[in-house]
Amino acid sequence: MAMTENDKASRFPDAELKARAAWHYYVEGLTQERISEILGIGRIKVHRILSAAREEGVVQFRIRDSVVECLVLEEALKQRFGLSQAIVVPSAADRSNAPLMIGHAAGAYLADNVNAGDVIALGWGRTLKFAINELPRRPIARTTVVSMLGGLTHAQPLNPTESAWEFAEKIGA
């Protein structure tokens, strides 16, 4: 005599059925259709079991990456200082790469947030140079770019006026 769907499913306690379905789906990467075949239940029931497993905490997701730490810090900065946005970059394994990493993030931010009619005041330095390198060349109407002359007391092979000129050229100002 063949086992019915209910007979096959009933051989496992409810909690074990959730764990088995979740294992097959999230760890082994099996489709819900394949899991339904293995467990002897319908695909719709597999979907419901997986949803219940997530809701009840049988399945928990944990993203392990340095970027996650940055996202947590960004949220903390926004809350603590009432900011609408914050950007935190991962620590550079080689400290000499920090300006490059910060510049990359700053350039991406500027590319997304400089709008028509904005006035951009720029300082100078390696980090800004890296940020400008990240900017796409696209005209932004009625945008003014000015140089904030001044800087650190130690000599740098960068010119503050050149930074403003280069930024302005990228956005067509």
C-alpha atoms as a PDB file:
ATOM      1  CA  MET A   1       0.000   0.000   0.000  1.00  0.00           C
ATOM      2  CA  ALA A   2       1.416   3.406  -1.000  1.00  0.00           C
ATOM      3  CA  MET A   3       1.924   6.118   1.591  1.00  0.00           C
ATOM      4  CA  THR A   4      -0.277   9.184   1.178  1.00  0.00           C
ATOM      5  CA  GLU A   5       1.063  12.722   1.459  1.00  0.00           C
ATOM      6  CA  ASN A   6      -0.233  12.986   5.022  1.00  0.00           C
ATOM      7  CA  ASP A   7       1.336   9.639   5.963  1.00  0.00           C
ATOM      8  CA  LYS A   8       4.775  10.755   4.734  1.00  0.00           C
ATOM      9  CA  ALA A   9       4.572  14.168   6.380  1.00  0.00           C
ATOM     10  CA  SER A  10       3.309  12.730   9.667  1.00  0.00           C
ATOM     11  CA  ARG A  11       6.431  10.609  10.112  1.00  0.00           C
ATOM     12  CA  PHE A  12       8.200  13.796  11.291  1.00  0.00           C
ATOM     13  CA  PRO A  13       7.228  15.981  14.238  1.00  0.00           C
ATOM     14  CA  ASP A  14       6.216  19.492  13.116  1.00  0.00           C
ATOM     15  CA  ALA A  15       9.451  21.114  14.355  1.00  0.00           C
ATOM     16  CA  GLU A  16      11.583  18.506  12.606  1.00  0.00           C
ATOM     17  CA  LEU A  17       9.643  18.930   9.372  1.00  0.00           C
ATOM     18  CA  LYS A  18      10.376  22.680   9.471  1.00  0.00           C
ATOM     19  CA  ALA A  19      14.044  22.053  10.145  1.00  0.00           C
ATOM     20  CA  ARG A  20      14.319  19.465   7.356  1.00  0.00           C
ATOM     21  CA  ALA A  21      12.568  21.672   4.804  1.00  0.00           C
ATOM     22  CA  ALA A  22      14.682  24.677   5.809  1.00  0.00           C
ATOM     23  CA  TRP A  23      17.897  22.648   5.578  1.00  0.00           C
ATOM     24  CA  HIS A  24      17.070  21.370   2.123  1.00  0.00           C
ATOM     25  CA  TYR A  25      16.085  24.827   0.909  1.00  0.00           C
ATOM     26  CA  TYR A  26      18.624  27.187   2.513  1.00  0.00           C
ATOM     27  CA  VAL A  27      21.673  24.955   2.959  1.00  0.00           C
ATOM     28  CA  GLU A  28      21.388  22.489   0.101  1.00  0.00           C
ATOM     29  CA  GLY A  29      19.758  24.983  -2.270  1.00  0.00           C
ATOM     30  CA  LEU A  30      17.034  22.590  -3.384  1.00  0.00           C
ATOM     31  CA  THR A  31      13.874  23.872  -5.037  1.00  0.00           C
ATOM     32  CA  GLN A  32      10.573  23.772  -3.207  1.00  0.00           C
ATOM     33  CA  GLU A  33       9.378  21.288  -5.824  1.00  0.00           C
ATOM     34  CA  ARG A  34      12.267  18.906  -5.033  1.00  0.00           C
ATOM     35  CA  ILE A  35      11.724  19.300  -1.282  1.00  0.00           C
ATOM     36  CA  SER A  36       8.063  18.411  -1.744  1.00  0.00           C
ATOM     37  CA  GLU A  37       9.163  15.187  -3.473  1.00  0.00           C
ATOM     38  CA  ILE A  38      11.687  14.308  -0.750  1.00  0.00           C
ATOM     39  CA  LEU A  39       9.317  14.993   2.142  1.00  0.00           C
ATOM     40  CA  GLY A  40       6.239  13.666   0.378  1.00  0.00           C
ATOM     41  CA  ILE A  41       4.209  16.847   0.763  1.00  0.00           C
ATOM     42  CA  GLY A  42       2.820  19.435  -1.653  1.00  0.00           C
ATOM     43  CA  ARG A  43       4.891  22.367  -2.878  1.00  0.00           C
ATOM     44  CA  ILE A  44       2.421  24.836  -1.345  1.00  0.00           C
ATOM     45  CA  LYS A  45       2.872  23.126   2.022  1.00  0.00           C
ATOM     46  CA  VAL A  46       6.673  23.387   1.636  1.00  0.00           C
ATOM     47  CA  HIS A  47       6.281  27.117   1.031  1.00  0.00           C
ATOM     48  CA  ARG A  48       4.106  27.479   4.157  1.00  0.00           C
ATOM     49  CA  ILE A  49       6.554  25.431   6.244  1.00  0.00           C
ATOM     50  CA  LEU A  50       9.502  27.575   5.107  1.00  0.00           C
ATOM     51  CA  SER A  51       7.590  30.766   5.919  1.00  0.00           C
ATOM     52  CA  ALA A  52       6.686  29.443   9.362  1.00  0.00           C
ATOM     53  CA  ALA A  53      10.295  28.370   9.959  1.00  0.00           C
ATOM     54  CA  ARG A  54      11.477  31.937   9.298  1.00  0.00           C
ATOM     55  CA  GLU A  55       8.707  33.541  11.377  1.00  0.00           C
ATOM     56  CA  GLU A  56       9.348  31.228  14.337  1.00  0.00           C
ATOM     57  CA  GLY A  57      13.116  31.697  14.264  1.00  0.00           C
ATOM     58  CA  VAL A  58      13.935  28.166  13.111  1.00  0.00           C
ATOM     59  CA  VAL A  59      15.713  29.894  10.230  1.00  0.00           C
ATOM     60  CA  GLN A  60      17.798  32.946  11.023  1.00  0.00           C
ATOM     61  CA  PHE A  61      19.919  34.893   8.590  1.00  0.00           C
ATOM     62  CA  ARG A  62      23.256  36.357   9.512  1.00  0.00           C
ATOM     63  CA  ILE A  63      25.298  38.317   7.045  1.00  0.00           C
ATOM     64  CA  ARG A  64      28.975  38.202   7.927  1.00  0.00           C
ATOM     65  CA  ASP A  65      30.899  40.874   6.149  1.00  0.00           C
ATOM     66  CA  SER A  66      32.754  44.038   7.085  1.00  0.00           C
ATOM     67  CA  VAL A  67      30.155  46.009   5.128  1.00  0.00           C
ATOM     68  CA  VAL A  68      27.490  44.946   7.633  1.00  0.00           C
ATOM     69  CA  GLU A  69      29.509  46.541  10.425  1.00  0.00           C
ATOM     70  CA  CYS A  70      29.646  49.721   8.347  1.00  0.00           C
ATOM     71  CA  LEU A  71      25.866  49.682   7.888  1.00  0.00           C
ATOM     72  CA  VAL A  72      25.355  49.293  11.638  1.00  0.00           C
ATOM     73  CA  LEU A  73      27.728  52.197  12.319  1.00  0.00           C
ATOM     74  CA  GLU A  74      25.988  54.340   9.694  1.00  0.00           C
ATOM     75  CA  GLU A  75      22.643  53.803  11.413  1.00  0.00           C
ATOM     76  CA  ALA A  76      24.172  54.601  14.814  1.00  0.00           C
ATOM     77  CA  LEU A  77      25.682  57.842  13.475  1.00  0.00           C
ATOM     78  CA  LYS A  78      22.385  58.870  11.904  1.00  0.00           C
ATOM     79  CA  GLN A  79      20.517  58.229  15.156  1.00  0.00           C
ATOM     80  CA  ARG A  80      23.110  59.845  17.439  1.00  0.00           C
ATOM     81  CA  PHE A  81      23.560  63.030  15.407  1.00  0.00           C
ATOM     82  CA  GLY A  82      20.180  63.324  13.683  1.00  0.00           C
ATOM     83  CA  LEU A  83      21.673  62.846  10.227  1.00  0.00           C
ATOM     84  CA  SER A  84      19.664  61.964   7.148  1.00  0.00           C
ATOM     85  CA  GLN A  85      22.656  60.104   5.674  1.00  0.00           C
ATOM     86  CA  ALA A  86      25.980  58.704   6.861  1.00  0.00           C
ATOM     87  CA  ILE A  87      28.634  56.741   5.010  1.00  0.00           C
ATOM     88  CA  VAL A  88      31.135  54.494   6.778  1.00  0.00           C
ATOM     89  CA  VAL A  89      33.781  52.651   4.778  1.00  0.00           C
ATOM     90  CA  PRO A  90      35.521  49.451   5.914  1.00  0.00           C
ATOM     91  CA  SER A  91      38.940  49.801   7.525  1.00  0.00           C
ATOM     92  CA  ALA A  92      41.741  49.490   5.032  1.00  0.00           C
ATOM     93  CA  ALA A  93      44.080  46.569   5.674  1.00  0.00           C
ATOM     94  CA  ASP A  94      46.856  48.877   4.521  1.00  0.00           C
ATOM     95  CA  ARG A  95      46.319  52.282   6.144  1.00  0.00           C
ATOM     96  CA  SER A  96      47.833  53.991   3.129  1.00  0.00           C
ATOM     97  CA  ASN A  97      44.755  52.871   1.151  1.00  0.00           C
ATOM     98  CA  ALA A  98      42.339  54.740   3.447  1.00  0.00           C
ATOM     99  CA  PRO A  99      42.253  57.911   1.278  1.00  0.00           C
ATOM    100  CA  LEU A 100      41.461  55.787  -1.770  1.00  0.00           C
ATOM    101  CA  MET A 101      38.601  53.978  -0.014  1.00  0.00           C
ATOM    102  CA  ILE A 102      37.162  57.173   1.473  1.00  0.00           C
ATOM    103  CA  GLY A 103      37.583  58.962  -1.846  1.00  0.00           C
ATOM    104  CA  HIS A 104      35.752  56.183  -3.657  1.00  0.00           C
ATOM    105  CA  ALA A 105      32.793  56.433  -1.250  1.00  0.00           C
ATOM    106  CA  ALA A 106      32.797  60.246  -1.373  1.00  0.00           C
ATOM    107  CA  GLY A 107      32.868  60.243  -5.166  1.00  0.00           C
ATOM    108  CA  ALA A 108      29.928  57.846  -5.335  1.00  0.00           C
ATOM    109  CA  TYR A 109      28.023  60.019  -2.853  1.00  0.00           C
ATOM    110  CA  LEU A 110      28.733  63.209  -4.810  1.00  0.00           C
ATOM    111  CA  ALA A 111      27.775  61.572  -8.101  1.00  0.00           C
ATOM    112  CA  ASP A 112      24.364  60.725  -6.638  1.00  0.00           C
ATOM    113  CA  ASN A 113      23.772  63.929  -4.659  1.00  0.00           C
ATOM    114  CA  VAL A 114      25.073  66.968  -6.568  1.00  0.00           C
ATOM    115  CA  ASN A 115      22.071  68.637  -8.190  1.00  0.00           C
ATOM    116  CA  ALA A 116      21.363  71.522 -10.537  1.00  0.00           C
ATOM    117  CA  GLY A 117      21.889  74.866  -8.835  1.00  0.00           C
ATOM    118  CA  ASP A 118      24.168  73.529  -6.086  1.00  0.00           C
ATOM    119  CA  VAL A 119      27.243  75.433  -4.958  1.00  0.00           C
ATOM    120  CA  ILE A 120      30.147  73.082  -4.235  1.00  0.00           C
ATOM    121  CA  ALA A 121      33.057  74.377  -2.150  1.00  0.00           C
ATOM    122  CA  LEU A 122      36.124  72.147  -2.341  1.00  0.00           C
ATOM    123  CA  GLY A 123      39.308  71.850  -0.345  1.00  0.00           C
ATOM    124  CA  TRP A 124      42.135  69.767  -1.633  1.00  0.00           C
ATOM    125  CA  GLY A 125      44.131  66.628  -0.949  1.00  0.00           C
ATOM    126  CA  ARG A 126      44.560  63.029  -2.018  1.00  0.00           C
ATOM    127  CA  THR A 127      41.170  61.902  -0.746  1.00  0.00           C
ATOM    128  CA  LEU A 128      39.405  64.610  -2.746  1.00  0.00           C
ATOM    129  CA  LYS A 129      41.481  63.715  -5.798  1.00  0.00           C
ATOM    130  CA  PHE A 130      40.297  60.093  -5.498  1.00  0.00           C
ATOM    131  CA  ALA A 131      36.694  61.303  -5.052  1.00  0.00           C
ATOM    132  CA  ILE A 132      36.890  63.421  -8.209  1.00  0.00           C
ATOM    133  CA  ASN A 133      38.319  60.454 -10.118  1.00  0.00           C
ATOM    134  CA  GLU A 134      35.160  58.498  -9.219  1.00  0.00           C
ATOM    135  CA  LEU A 135      32.813  61.122 -10.660  1.00  0.00           C
ATOM    136  CA  PRO A 136      31.244  60.325 -13.997  1.00  0.00           C
ATOM    137  CA  ARG A 137      31.502  63.039 -16.614  1.00  0.00           C
ATOM    138  CA  ARG A 138      27.960  64.478 -16.777  1.00  0.00           C
ATOM    139  CA  PRO A 139      26.750  68.070 -17.001  1.00  0.00           C
ATOM    140  CA  ILE A 140      24.786  69.438 -14.046  1.00  0.00           C
ATOM    141  CA  ALA A 141      23.071  72.731 -14.915  1.00  0.00           C
ATOM    142  CA  ARG A 142      23.686  75.948 -12.982  1.00  0.00           C
ATOM    143  CA  THR A 143      26.186  74.338 -10.610  1.00  0.00           C
ATOM    144  CA  THR A 144      28.972  76.474  -9.176  1.00  0.00           C
ATOM    145  CA  VAL A 145      32.267  75.025  -7.965  1.00  0.00           C
ATOM    146  CA  VAL A 146      34.579  77.157  -5.813  1.00  0.00           C
ATOM    147  CA  SER A 147      37.919  76.449  -4.198  1.00  0.00           C
ATOM    148  CA  MET A 148      38.343  76.808  -0.459  1.00  0.00           C
ATOM    149  CA  LEU A 149      41.987  77.774  -0.391  1.00  0.00           C
ATOM    150  CA  GLY A 150      43.873  76.514   2.608  1.00  0.00           C
ATOM    151  CA  GLY A 151      44.836  73.151   3.882  1.00  0.00           C
ATOM    152  CA  LEU A 152      47.320  71.229   5.937  1.00  0.00           C
ATOM    153  CA  THR A 153      50.644  72.753   6.825  1.00  0.00           C
ATOM    154  CA  HIS A 154      52.790  69.994   5.325  1.00  0.00           C
ATOM    155  CA  ALA A 155      53.525  70.130   1.617  1.00  0.00           C
ATOM    156  CA  GLN A 156      51.449  68.087  -0.809  1.00  0.00           C
ATOM    157  CA  PRO A 157      51.944  67.741  -4.547  1.00  0.00           C
ATOM    158  CA  LEU A 158      48.289  68.781  -5.083  1.00  0.00           C
ATOM    159  CA  ASN A 159      46.922  72.199  -5.938  1.00  0.00           C
ATOM    160  CA  PRO A 160      43.641  73.279  -4.272  1.00  0.00           C
ATOM    161  CA  THR A 161      42.602  75.338  -7.297  1.00  0.00           C
ATOM    162  CA  GLU A 162      43.194  72.367  -9.571  1.00  0.00           C
ATOM    163  CA  SER A 163      40.799  70.223  -7.506  1.00  0.00           C
ATOM    164  CA  ALA A 164      37.971  72.743  -7.964  1.00  0.00           C
ATOM    165  CA  TRP A 165      38.743  73.091 -11.690  1.00  0.00           C
ATOM    166  CA  GLU A 166      38.804  69.316 -12.217  1.00  0.00           C
ATOM    167  CA  PHE A 167      35.530  68.820 -10.320  1.00  0.00           C
ATOM    168  CA  ALA A 168      33.880  71.639 -12.291  1.00  0.00           C
ATOM    169  CA  GLU A 169      35.066  70.118 -15.556  1.00  0.00           C
ATOM    170  CA  LYS A 170      33.519  66.742 -14.654  1.00  0.00           C
ATOM    171  CA  ILE A 171      30.081  68.260 -14.023  1.00  0.00           C
ATOM    172  CA  GLY A 172      30.228  70.894 -16.758  1.00  0.00           C
ATOM    173  CA  ALA A 173      30.135  73.859 -14.368  1.00  0.00           C
END
